[in-house]
Protein backbone atom coordinates (compact mmCIF):
# COMPACT_ATOMS: atom_id res chain seq x y z
CA UNK A 1 32.08 -20.60 -22.03
CA UNK A 2 33.14 -17.98 -24.57
CA UNK A 3 31.11 -19.71 -27.28
CA UNK A 4 27.86 -18.68 -25.52
CA UNK A 5 28.69 -14.96 -25.62
CA UNK A 6 27.13 -12.83 -28.29
CA UNK A 7 29.46 -10.81 -30.43
CA UNK A 8 28.77 -7.11 -30.09
CA UNK A 9 29.70 -4.78 -32.88
CA UNK A 10 32.25 -2.25 -31.52
CA UNK A 11 30.51 0.53 -33.46
CA UNK A 12 27.31 -0.13 -31.51
CA UNK A 13 29.15 0.07 -28.21
CA UNK A 14 30.87 3.30 -29.26
CA UNK A 15 27.56 4.78 -30.35
CA UNK A 16 26.03 3.97 -26.99
CA UNK A 17 28.92 5.55 -25.10
CA UNK A 18 28.87 8.66 -27.28
CA UNK A 19 25.12 8.97 -26.79
CA UNK A 20 25.43 8.56 -23.03
CA UNK A 21 28.13 11.23 -22.91
CA UNK A 22 26.09 13.63 -25.02
CA UNK A 23 23.01 13.05 -22.87
CA UNK A 24 24.89 13.76 -19.65
CA UNK A 25 26.41 16.92 -21.14
CA UNK A 26 22.96 18.07 -22.26
CA UNK A 27 21.57 17.38 -18.80
CA UNK A 28 24.33 19.39 -17.16
CA UNK A 29 23.74 22.28 -19.56
CA UNK A 30 20.02 22.21 -18.79
CA UNK A 31 20.69 22.41 -15.05
CA UNK A 32 23.03 25.36 -15.49
CA UNK A 33 20.61 27.16 -17.82
CA UNK A 34 17.69 26.65 -15.43
CA UNK A 35 19.42 28.45 -12.56
CA UNK A 36 18.07 31.86 -11.74
CA UNK A 37 20.51 34.74 -12.07
CA UNK A 38 22.22 35.59 -8.80
CA UNK A 39 21.67 39.07 -7.42
CA UNK A 40 24.73 41.13 -6.48
CA UNK A 41 25.85 40.69 -2.88
CA UNK A 42 25.73 44.38 -1.99
CA UNK A 43 23.56 47.32 -2.92
CA UNK A 44 24.16 48.96 -6.26
CA UNK A 45 26.68 51.76 -5.87
CA UNK A 46 26.65 54.89 -8.00
CA UNK A 47 29.55 56.96 -9.30
CA UNK A 48 29.44 59.21 -6.20
CA UNK A 49 30.65 56.34 -4.02
CA UNK A 50 33.59 55.73 -6.34
CA UNK A 51 35.13 59.08 -5.46
CA UNK A 52 36.24 59.65 -1.87
CA UNK A 53 37.97 63.04 -1.59
CA UNK A 54 39.98 62.02 1.50
CA UNK A 55 40.93 58.63 0.04
CA UNK A 56 39.74 56.68 3.06
CA UNK A 57 37.82 53.44 3.31
CA UNK A 58 36.59 50.99 0.76
CA UNK A 59 36.29 52.19 -2.80
CA UNK A 60 34.54 50.34 -5.59
CA UNK A 61 36.92 51.06 -8.43
CA UNK A 62 36.81 49.80 -11.99
CA UNK A 63 39.26 46.96 -11.38
CA UNK A 64 37.38 45.83 -8.25
CA UNK A 65 34.11 45.83 -10.19
CA UNK A 66 35.79 43.81 -12.95
CA UNK A 67 36.90 41.26 -10.36
CA UNK A 68 33.38 41.02 -8.95
CA UNK A 69 32.06 40.38 -12.46
CA UNK A 70 34.46 37.45 -12.88
CA UNK A 71 33.34 35.81 -9.63
CA UNK A 72 29.63 35.58 -10.51
CA UNK A 73 28.33 32.13 -11.27
């Protein structure tokens, strides 16, 4: 039964697998690049909203804005 099998060069098989992996990576990169940029969740806030003289409520500080920048896809 083994005598009927064709011998396949291992380099050919490796080349096919490398090509398939590269093609799938390129496809994934194309999908990510084709996505439209996501708009921010809330309205743009100016510097006046960053300063609350009484210190009450939500404040969009520099470290909060940095966190928001890291969560964008």
